[in-house]
Structures are given as structure tokens and as C-alpha cells.
Amino acid sequence: MNLKPLGNRVIVKPMPKEETTKAGIILPETVNKESRMEGEIIAIGSGEKVSKLNLKVGQKVVYSEYGGSEIKIEDQDYKILNHDDLLAIVE
């Protein structure tokens, strides 16, 4: 992928949406599946604010539901998020 975020932005690959419940029930396509708002960092911009967050490529993060811009490259979905859209690191 030849995509580098500018400034205080991060590129995140969203995790797949849940297809089954915790009890093992498979959800059909007609059910509105809740997105996880969780993803893996693919690239980090060189802005001052994002560098203070000490993020690393490969970390999993939680981001705001309506934040950022969605893009699709080579049949893969990505989100370009501003540093303010990142809520937490998943450890």
C-alpha cells in the first residue's frame, strides 16, 4: 500500500464486523450489525500531536464511530483518522 497520512492523521484497517453473537448465534445479512470501531494501525503521519500519542504500526486502537474518512484500496477498506478520533489502545 502506497498511502502515507499527512500531519496528525493515522490510517487504520478496521476489524471485521461481528457475524455471530457471544452465544454463537449466526446473524443473517438482514440484521443491522454493530461495527466494532476497532482496527489496526497501518500508517502514522508525522504531525506533532499524533507523535505525542506514541503510537506504533500494528497496534490495535478504538476510534470514534463517525470519525475519519473511509477509503477502499485493492478491495480493502481503510479509515483515515485524525488524532482526535482515536479513543484508546487495545492491549
PDB file of N, CA and C in Angstrom:
ATOM      1  N   MET A   1       0.849  -1.179   0.000  1.00  0.00           N
ATOM      2  CA  MET A   1       0.000   0.000   0.000  1.00  0.00           C
ATOM      3  C   MET A   1       0.889   1.235   0.000  1.00  0.00           C
ATOM      4  N   ASN A   2       0.686   2.100  -0.951  1.00  0.00           N
ATOM      5  CA  ASN A   2       1.464   3.330  -1.052  1.00  0.00           C
ATOM      6  C   ASN A   2       0.633   4.512  -0.595  1.00  0.00           C
ATOM      7  N   LEU A   3       0.314   4.541   0.668  1.00  0.00           N
ATOM      8  CA  LEU A   3      -0.517   5.596   1.228  1.00  0.00           C
ATOM      9  C   LEU A   3       0.120   6.069   2.520  1.00  0.00           C
ATOM     10  N   LYS A   4       0.469   7.352   2.601  1.00  0.00           N
ATOM     11  CA  LYS A   4       1.086   7.908   3.794  1.00  0.00           C
ATOM     12  C   LYS A   4       0.210   9.050   4.296  1.00  0.00           C
ATOM     13  N   PRO A   5      -0.243   8.962   5.539  1.00  0.00           N
ATOM     14  CA  PRO A   5      -1.091  10.032   6.073  1.00  0.00           C
ATOM     15  C   PRO A   5      -0.290  11.309   6.317  1.00  0.00           C
ATOM     16  N   LEU A   6      -0.943  12.439   6.137  1.00  0.00           N
ATOM     17  CA  LEU A   6      -0.300  13.729   6.347  1.00  0.00           C
ATOM     18  C   LEU A   6      -0.621  14.261   7.738  1.00  0.00           C
ATOM     19  N   GLY A   7       0.310  14.998   8.299  1.00  0.00           N
ATOM     20  CA  GLY A   7       0.085  15.681   9.575  1.00  0.00           C
ATOM     21  C   GLY A   7      -0.278  14.755  10.705  1.00  0.00           C
ATOM     22  N   ASN A   8      -1.352  15.092  11.384  1.00  0.00           N
ATOM     23  CA  ASN A   8      -1.783  14.365  12.586  1.00  0.00           C
ATOM     24  C   ASN A   8      -2.827  13.306  12.276  1.00  0.00           C
ATOM     25  N   ARG A   9      -2.618  12.583  11.190  1.00  0.00           N
ATOM     26  CA  ARG A   9      -3.571  11.552  10.791  1.00  0.00           C
ATOM     27  C   ARG A   9      -2.955  10.161  10.878  1.00  0.00           C
ATOM     28  N   VAL A  10      -3.837   9.170  10.982  1.00  0.00           N
ATOM     29  CA  VAL A  10      -3.437   7.772  11.092  1.00  0.00           C
ATOM     30  C   VAL A  10      -4.313   6.966  10.137  1.00  0.00           C
ATOM     31  N   ILE A  11      -3.741   5.964   9.481  1.00  0.00           N
ATOM     32  CA  ILE A  11      -4.527   5.060   8.646  1.00  0.00           C
ATOM     33  C   ILE A  11      -4.755   3.778   9.429  1.00  0.00           C
ATOM     34  N   VAL A  12      -6.019   3.383   9.523  1.00  0.00           N
ATOM     35  CA  VAL A  12      -6.418   2.215  10.309  1.00  0.00           C
ATOM     36  C   VAL A  12      -7.169   1.242   9.409  1.00  0.00           C
ATOM     37  N   LYS A  13      -6.849  -0.036   9.560  1.00  0.00           N
ATOM     38  CA  LYS A  13      -7.581  -1.102   8.869  1.00  0.00           C
ATOM     39  C   LYS A  13      -8.633  -1.617   9.850  1.00  0.00           C
ATOM     40  N   PRO A  14      -9.923  -1.327   9.590  1.00  0.00           N
ATOM     41  CA  PRO A  14     -10.975  -1.752  10.530  1.00  0.00           C
ATOM     42  C   PRO A  14     -11.031  -3.271  10.671  1.00  0.00           C
ATOM     43  N   MET A  15     -11.345  -3.716  11.878  1.00  0.00           N
ATOM     44  CA  MET A  15     -11.526  -5.135  12.125  1.00  0.00           C
ATOM     45  C   MET A  15     -12.867  -5.552  11.555  1.00  0.00           C
ATOM     46  N   PRO A  16     -12.996  -6.812  11.144  1.00  0.00           N
ATOM     47  CA  PRO A  16     -14.266  -7.279  10.571  1.00  0.00           C
ATOM     48  C   PRO A  16     -15.406  -7.165  11.564  1.00  0.00           C
ATOM     49  N   LYS A  17     -16.599  -6.934  11.037  1.00  0.00           N
ATOM     50  CA  LYS A  17     -17.785  -6.837  11.873  1.00  0.00           C
ATOM     51  C   LYS A  17     -18.172  -8.219  12.373  1.00  0.00           C
ATOM     52  N   GLU A  18     -18.841  -8.243  13.510  1.00  0.00           N
ATOM     53  CA  GLU A  18     -19.249  -9.499  14.130  1.00  0.00           C
ATOM     54  C   GLU A  18     -20.282 -10.202  13.261  1.00  0.00           C
ATOM     55  N   GLU A  19     -20.066 -11.465  12.995  1.00  0.00           N
ATOM     56  CA  GLU A  19     -21.020 -12.281  12.250  1.00  0.00           C
ATOM     57  C   GLU A  19     -21.815 -13.188  13.176  1.00  0.00           C
ATOM     58  N   THR A  20     -21.298 -13.407  14.392  1.00  0.00           N
ATOM     59  CA  THR A  20     -22.003 -14.234  15.376  1.00  0.00           C
ATOM     60  C   THR A  20     -22.037 -13.507  16.710  1.00  0.00           C
ATOM     61  N   THR A  21     -23.005 -13.849  17.533  1.00  0.00           N
ATOM     62  CA  THR A  21     -23.091 -13.273  18.868  1.00  0.00           C
ATOM     63  C   THR A  21     -22.169 -14.055  19.806  1.00  0.00           C
ATOM     64  N   LYS A  22     -22.019 -13.583  21.030  1.00  0.00           N
ATOM     65  CA  LYS A  22     -21.189 -14.289  22.011  1.00  0.00           C
ATOM     66  C   LYS A  22     -21.752 -15.668  22.330  1.00  0.00           C
ATOM     67  N   ALA A  23     -23.062 -15.829  22.170  1.00  0.00           N
ATOM     68  CA  ALA A  23     -23.702 -17.121  22.432  1.00  0.00           C
ATOM     69  C   ALA A  23     -23.570 -18.076  21.249  1.00  0.00           C
ATOM     70  N   GLY A  24     -23.010 -17.592  20.118  1.00  0.00           N
ATOM     71  CA  GLY A  24     -22.798 -18.458  18.974  1.00  0.00           C
ATOM     72  C   GLY A  24     -23.889 -18.393  17.921  1.00  0.00           C
ATOM     73  N   ILE A  25     -24.814 -17.457  18.061  1.00  0.00           N
ATOM     74  CA  ILE A  25     -25.891 -17.321  17.080  1.00  0.00           C
ATOM     75  C   ILE A  25     -25.358 -16.572  15.863  1.00  0.00           C
ATOM     76  N   ILE A  26     -25.537 -17.148  14.679  1.00  0.00           N
ATOM     77  CA  ILE A  26     -25.079 -16.521  13.445  1.00  0.00           C
ATOM     78  C   ILE A  26     -26.098 -15.476  13.012  1.00  0.00           C
ATOM     79  N   LEU A  27     -25.625 -14.241  12.781  1.00  0.00           N
ATOM     80  CA  LEU A  27     -26.510 -13.153  12.391  1.00  0.00           C
ATOM     81  C   LEU A  27     -26.707 -13.136  10.881  1.00  0.00           C
ATOM     82  N   PRO A  28     -27.945 -13.072  10.407  1.00  0.00           N
ATOM     83  CA  PRO A  28     -28.180 -13.002   8.960  1.00  0.00           C
ATOM     84  C   PRO A  28     -27.836 -11.619   8.414  1.00  0.00           C
ATOM     85  N   GLU A  29     -27.748 -11.505   7.103  1.00  0.00           N
ATOM     86  CA  GLU A  29     -27.399 -10.252   6.444  1.00  0.00           C
ATOM     87  C   GLU A  29     -28.418  -9.152   6.712  1.00  0.00           C
ATOM     88  N   THR A  30     -29.678  -9.503   7.009  1.00  0.00           N
ATOM     89  CA  THR A  30     -30.732  -8.511   7.206  1.00  0.00           C
ATOM     90  C   THR A  30     -30.632  -7.799   8.550  1.00  0.00           C
ATOM     91  N   VAL A  31     -29.862  -8.330   9.465  1.00  0.00           N
ATOM     92  CA  VAL A  31     -29.707  -7.723  10.786  1.00  0.00           C
ATOM     93  C   VAL A  31     -28.662  -6.622  10.697  1.00  0.00           C
ATOM     94  N   ASN A  32     -28.955  -5.495  11.328  1.00  0.00           N
ATOM     95  CA  ASN A  32     -28.013  -4.381  11.362  1.00  0.00           C
ATOM     96  C   ASN A  32     -26.895  -4.721  12.339  1.00  0.00           C
ATOM     97  N   LYS A  33     -25.738  -5.087  11.793  1.00  0.00           N
ATOM     98  CA  LYS A  33     -24.611  -5.496  12.635  1.00  0.00           C
ATOM     99  C   LYS A  33     -23.877  -4.260  13.140  1.00  0.00           C
ATOM    100  N   GLU A  34     -23.577  -4.277  14.411  1.00  0.00           N
ATOM    101  CA  GLU A  34     -22.884  -3.148  15.013  1.00  0.00           C
ATOM    102  C   GLU A  34     -21.404  -3.226  14.668  1.00  0.00           C
ATOM    103  N   SER A  35     -20.865  -2.135  14.146  1.00  0.00           N
ATOM    104  CA  SER A  35     -19.438  -2.134  13.829  1.00  0.00           C
ATOM    105  C   SER A  35     -18.638  -2.038  15.118  1.00  0.00           C
ATOM    106  N   ARG A  36     -17.441  -2.567  15.091  1.00  0.00           N
ATOM    107  CA  ARG A  36     -16.645  -2.652  16.303  1.00  0.00           C
ATOM    108  C   ARG A  36     -15.916  -1.368  16.622  1.00  0.00           C
ATOM    109  N   MET A  37     -15.713  -0.513  15.618  1.00  0.00           N
ATOM    110  CA  MET A  37     -14.958   0.730  15.796  1.00  0.00           C
ATOM    111  C   MET A  37     -13.579   0.433  16.378  1.00  0.00           C
ATOM    112  N   GLU A  38     -13.018  -0.661  15.920  1.00  0.00           N
ATOM    113  CA  GLU A  38     -11.707  -1.103  16.372  1.00  0.00           C
ATOM    114  C   GLU A  38     -10.918  -1.492  15.136  1.00  0.00           C
ATOM    115  N   GLY A  39      -9.623  -1.189  15.148  1.00  0.00           N
ATOM    116  CA  GLY A  39      -8.821  -1.531  13.983  1.00  0.00           C
ATOM    117  C   GLY A  39      -7.345  -1.529  14.278  1.00  0.00           C
ATOM    118  N   GLU A  40      -6.579  -1.885  13.260  1.00  0.00           N
ATOM    119  CA  GLU A  40      -5.123  -1.981  13.368  1.00  0.00           C
ATOM    120  C   GLU A  40      -4.483  -0.809  12.634  1.00  0.00           C
ATOM    121  N   ILE A  41      -3.509  -0.176  13.265  1.00  0.00           N
ATOM    122  CA  ILE A  41      -2.808   0.952  12.659  1.00  0.00           C
ATOM    123  C   ILE A  41      -1.918   0.435  11.541  1.00  0.00           C
ATOM    124  N   ILE A  42      -2.075   1.021  10.344  1.00  0.00           N
ATOM    125  CA  ILE A  42      -1.298   0.648   9.169  1.00  0.00           C
ATOM    126  C   ILE A  42      -0.200   1.664   8.896  1.00  0.00           C
ATOM    127  N   ALA A  43      -0.489   2.963   9.111  1.00  0.00           N
ATOM    128  CA  ALA A  43       0.487   4.023   8.868  1.00  0.00           C
ATOM    129  C   ALA A  43       0.178   5.200   9.780  1.00  0.00           C
ATOM    130  N   ILE A  44       1.226   5.942  10.137  1.00  0.00           N
ATOM    131  CA  ILE A  44       1.102   7.072  11.054  1.00  0.00           C
ATOM    132  C   ILE A  44       1.735   8.297  10.407  1.00  0.00           C
ATOM    133  N   GLY A  45       1.032   9.434  10.481  1.00  0.00           N
ATOM    134  CA  GLY A  45       1.562  10.687   9.964  1.00  0.00           C
ATOM    135  C   GLY A  45       2.687  11.209  10.840  1.00  0.00           C
ATOM    136  N   SER A  46       3.318  12.286  10.402  1.00  0.00           N
ATOM    137  CA  SER A  46       4.473  12.823  11.125  1.00  0.00           C
ATOM    138  C   SER A  46       4.138  14.084  11.905  1.00  0.00           C
ATOM    139  N   GLY A  47       2.862  14.338  12.160  1.00  0.00           N
ATOM    140  CA  GLY A  47       2.451  15.528  12.903  1.00  0.00           C
ATOM    141  C   GLY A  47       2.866  15.474  14.365  1.00  0.00           C
ATOM    142  N   GLU A  48       2.967  16.654  14.966  1.00  0.00           N
ATOM    143  CA  GLU A  48       3.417  16.768  16.357  1.00  0.00           C
ATOM    144  C   GLU A  48       2.432  16.136  17.341  1.00  0.00           C
ATOM    145  N   LYS A  49       1.132  16.355  17.119  1.00  0.00           N
ATOM    146  CA  LYS A  49       0.125  15.840  18.056  1.00  0.00           C
ATOM    147  C   LYS A  49       0.032  14.326  18.018  1.00  0.00           C
ATOM    148  N   VAL A  50       0.091  13.727  16.826  1.00  0.00           N
ATOM    149  CA  VAL A  50      -0.006  12.272  16.721  1.00  0.00           C
ATOM    150  C   VAL A  50       1.268  11.606  17.236  1.00  0.00           C
ATOM    151  N   SER A  51       2.414  12.271  17.111  1.00  0.00           N
ATOM    152  CA  SER A  51       3.662  11.676  17.609  1.00  0.00           C
ATOM    153  C   SER A  51       3.685  11.639  19.135  1.00  0.00           C
ATOM    154  N   LYS A  52       2.972  12.560  19.789  1.00  0.00           N
ATOM    155  CA  LYS A  52       2.898  12.563  21.253  1.00  0.00           C
ATOM    156  C   LYS A  52       2.092  11.386  21.801  1.00  0.00           C
ATOM    157  N   LEU A  53       1.292  10.752  20.958  1.00  0.00           N
ATOM    158  CA  LEU A  53       0.482   9.613  21.399  1.00  0.00           C
ATOM    159  C   LEU A  53       1.293   8.320  21.476  1.00  0.00           C
ATOM    160  N   ASN A  54       2.526   8.335  20.971  1.00  0.00           N
ATOM    161  CA  ASN A  54       3.419   7.164  20.993  1.00  0.00           C
ATOM    162  C   ASN A  54       2.769   5.932  20.367  1.00  0.00           C
ATOM    163  N   LEU A  55       2.148   6.121  19.220  1.00  0.00           N
ATOM    164  CA  LEU A  55       1.516   5.013  18.508  1.00  0.00           C
ATOM    165  C   LEU A  55       2.544   4.276  17.672  1.00  0.00           C
ATOM    166  N   LYS A  56       2.253   3.006  17.401  1.00  0.00           N
ATOM    167  CA  LYS A  56       3.133   2.179  16.573  1.00  0.00           C
ATOM    168  C   LYS A  56       2.298   1.443  15.543  1.00  0.00           C
ATOM    169  N   VAL A  57       2.880   1.228  14.383  1.00  0.00           N
ATOM    170  CA  VAL A  57       2.213   0.442  13.347  1.00  0.00           C
ATOM    171  C   VAL A  57       1.974  -0.961  13.893  1.00  0.00           C
ATOM    172  N   GLY A  58       0.782  -1.479  13.694  1.00  0.00           N
ATOM    173  CA  GLY A  58       0.422  -2.812  14.187  1.00  0.00           C
ATOM    174  C   GLY A  58      -0.395  -2.787  15.464  1.00  0.00           C
ATOM    175  N   GLN A  59      -0.416  -1.647  16.173  1.00  0.00           N
ATOM    176  CA  GLN A  59      -1.222  -1.558  17.387  1.00  0.00           C
ATOM    177  C   GLN A  59      -2.704  -1.564  17.033  1.00  0.00           C
ATOM    178  N   LYS A  60      -3.504  -2.089  17.945  1.00  0.00           N
ATOM    179  CA  LYS A  60      -4.948  -2.063  17.766  1.00  0.00           C
ATOM    180  C   LYS A  60      -5.500  -0.889  18.559  1.00  0.00           C
ATOM    181  N   VAL A  61      -6.414  -0.142  17.936  1.00  0.00           N
ATOM    182  CA  VAL A  61      -6.986   1.041  18.565  1.00  0.00           C
ATOM    183  C   VAL A  61      -8.506   1.032  18.440  1.00  0.00           C
ATOM    184  N   VAL A  62      -9.146   1.781  19.327  1.00  0.00           N
ATOM    185  CA  VAL A  62     -10.577   2.037  19.253  1.00  0.00           C
ATOM    186  C   VAL A  62     -10.721   3.473  18.783  1.00  0.00           C
ATOM    187  N   TYR A  63     -11.625   3.695  17.826  1.00  0.00           N
ATOM    188  CA  TYR A  63     -11.797   5.040  17.277  1.00  0.00           C
ATOM    189  C   TYR A  63     -13.271   5.426  17.316  1.00  0.00           C
ATOM    190  N   SER A  64     -13.542   6.727  17.169  1.00  0.00           N
ATOM    191  CA  SER A  64     -14.916   7.209  17.225  1.00  0.00           C
ATOM    192  C   SER A  64     -15.705   6.711  16.020  1.00  0.00           C
ATOM    193  N   GLU A  65     -16.975   6.464  16.236  1.00  0.00           N
ATOM    194  CA  GLU A  65     -17.827   5.822  15.231  1.00  0.00           C
ATOM    195  C   GLU A  65     -17.950   6.627  13.946  1.00  0.00           C
ATOM    196  N   TYR A  66     -18.096   7.927  14.062  1.00  0.00           N
ATOM    197  CA  TYR A  66     -18.325   8.747  12.870  1.00  0.00           C
ATOM    198  C   TYR A  66     -17.092   9.548  12.469  1.00  0.00           C
ATOM    199  N   GLY A  67     -15.949   9.254  13.046  1.00  0.00           N
ATOM    200  CA  GLY A  67     -14.741   9.999  12.737  1.00  0.00           C
ATOM    201  C   GLY A  67     -14.046   9.502  11.483  1.00  0.00           C
ATOM    202  N   GLY A  68     -13.281  10.369  10.884  1.00  0.00           N
ATOM    203  CA  GLY A  68     -12.430   9.990   9.774  1.00  0.00           C
ATOM    204  C   GLY A  68     -13.138   9.825   8.450  1.00  0.00           C
ATOM    205  N   SER A  69     -12.357   9.404   7.462  1.00  0.00           N
ATOM    206  CA  SER A  69     -12.846   9.180   6.103  1.00  0.00           C
ATOM    207  C   SER A  69     -12.565   7.744   5.714  1.00  0.00           C
ATOM    208  N   GLU A  70     -13.527   7.127   5.041  1.00  0.00           N
ATOM    209  CA  GLU A  70     -13.354   5.754   4.588  1.00  0.00           C
ATOM    210  C   GLU A  70     -12.832   5.743   3.160  1.00  0.00           C
ATOM    211  N   ILE A  71     -11.865   4.862   2.895  1.00  0.00           N
ATOM    212  CA  ILE A  71     -11.345   4.688   1.545  1.00  0.00           C
ATOM    213  C   ILE A  71     -11.214   3.192   1.271  1.00  0.00           C
ATOM    214  N   LYS A  72     -11.153   2.838   0.003  1.00  0.00           N
ATOM    215  CA  LYS A  72     -11.002   1.437  -0.378  1.00  0.00           C
ATOM    216  C   LYS A  72      -9.847   1.350  -1.373  1.00  0.00           C
ATOM    217  N   ILE A  73      -8.852   0.528  -1.050  1.00  0.00           N
ATOM    218  CA  ILE A  73      -7.693   0.327  -1.910  1.00  0.00           C
ATOM    219  C   ILE A  73      -7.498  -1.164  -2.090  1.00  0.00           C
ATOM    220  N   GLU A  74      -7.478  -1.607  -3.344  1.00  0.00           N
ATOM    221  CA  GLU A  74      -7.282  -3.023  -3.674  1.00  0.00           C
ATOM    222  C   GLU A  74      -8.230  -3.923  -2.885  1.00  0.00           C
ATOM    223  N   ASP A  75      -9.519  -3.587  -2.911  1.00  0.00           N
ATOM    224  CA  ASP A  75     -10.580  -4.359  -2.254  1.00  0.00           C
ATOM    225  C   ASP A  75     -10.442  -4.432  -0.737  1.00  0.00           C
ATOM    226  N   GLN A  76      -9.682  -3.537  -0.137  1.00  0.00           N
ATOM    227  CA  GLN A  76      -9.541  -3.494   1.321  1.00  0.00           C
ATOM    228  C   GLN A  76     -10.011  -2.129   1.815  1.00  0.00           C
ATOM    229  N   ASP A  77     -10.837  -2.112   2.863  1.00  0.00           N
ATOM    230  CA  ASP A  77     -11.324  -0.864   3.443  1.00  0.00           C
ATOM    231  C   ASP A  77     -10.328  -0.340   4.471  1.00  0.00           C
ATOM    232  N   TYR A  78     -10.152   0.978   4.474  1.00  0.00           N
ATOM    233  CA  TYR A  78      -9.295   1.660   5.436  1.00  0.00           C
ATOM    234  C   TYR A  78     -10.012   2.904   5.923  1.00  0.00           C
ATOM    235  N   LYS A  79      -9.592   3.404   7.083  1.00  0.00           N
ATOM    236  CA  LYS A  79     -10.098   4.674   7.590  1.00  0.00           C
ATOM    237  C   LYS A  79      -8.905   5.596   7.813  1.00  0.00           C
ATOM    238  N   ILE A  80      -9.051   6.840   7.379  1.00  0.00           N
ATOM    239  CA  ILE A  80      -8.055   7.866   7.669  1.00  0.00           C
ATOM    240  C   ILE A  80      -8.627   8.682   8.818  1.00  0.00           C
ATOM    241  N   LEU A  81      -7.963   8.610   9.962  1.00  0.00           N
ATOM    242  CA  LEU A  81      -8.469   9.239  11.178  1.00  0.00           C
ATOM    243  C   LEU A  81      -7.547  10.349  11.649  1.00  0.00           C
ATOM    244  N   ASN A  82      -8.141  11.404  12.169  1.00  0.00           N
ATOM    245  CA  ASN A  82      -7.377  12.462  12.813  1.00  0.00           C
ATOM    246  C   ASN A  82      -6.998  11.985  14.220  1.00  0.00           C
ATOM    247  N   HIS A  83      -5.995  12.570  14.817  1.00  0.00           N
ATOM    248  CA  HIS A  83      -5.565  12.124  16.150  1.00  0.00           C
ATOM    249  C   HIS A  83      -6.689  12.244  17.171  1.00  0.00           C
ATOM    250  N   ASP A  84      -7.605  13.191  16.991  1.00  0.00           N
ATOM    251  CA  ASP A  84      -8.727  13.364  17.917  1.00  0.00           C
ATOM    252  C   ASP A  84      -9.745  12.237  17.838  1.00  0.00           C
ATOM    253  N   ASP A  85      -9.763  11.498  16.723  1.00  0.00           N
ATOM    254  CA  ASP A  85     -10.710  10.404  16.540  1.00  0.00           C
ATOM    255  C   ASP A  85     -10.266   9.115  17.222  1.00  0.00           C
ATOM    256  N   LEU A  86      -9.016   9.037  17.642  1.00  0.00           N
ATOM    257  CA  LEU A  86      -8.502   7.850  18.326  1.00  0.00           C
ATOM    258  C   LEU A  86      -8.864   7.949  19.800  1.00  0.00           C
ATOM    259  N   LEU A  87      -9.503   6.895  20.320  1.00  0.00           N
ATOM    260  CA  LEU A  87     -10.011   6.941  21.701  1.00  0.00           C
ATOM    261  C   LEU A  87      -9.175   6.128  22.676  1.00  0.00           C
ATOM    262  N   ALA A  88      -8.648   4.971  22.248  1.00  0.00           N
ATOM    263  CA  ALA A  88      -7.923   4.100  23.166  1.00  0.00           C
ATOM    264  C   ALA A  88      -7.065   3.113  22.400  1.00  0.00           C
ATOM    265  N   ILE A  89      -6.067   2.570  23.082  1.00  0.00           N
ATOM    266  CA  ILE A  89      -5.231   1.498  22.549  1.00  0.00           C
ATOM    267  C   ILE A  89      -5.699   0.202  23.187  1.00  0.00           C
ATOM    268  N   VAL A  90      -5.875  -0.838  22.379  1.00  0.00           N
ATOM    269  CA  VAL A  90      -6.293  -2.148  22.887  1.00  0.00           C
ATOM    270  C   VAL A  90      -5.047  -2.944  23.199  1.00  0.00           C
ATOM    271  N   GLU A  91      -4.913  -3.377  24.441  1.00  0.00           N
ATOM    272  CA  GLU A  91      -3.724  -4.164  24.846  1.00  0.00           C
ATOM    273  C   GLU A  91      -4.086  -5.599  25.084  1.00  0.00           C
TER     274      GLU A  91
END
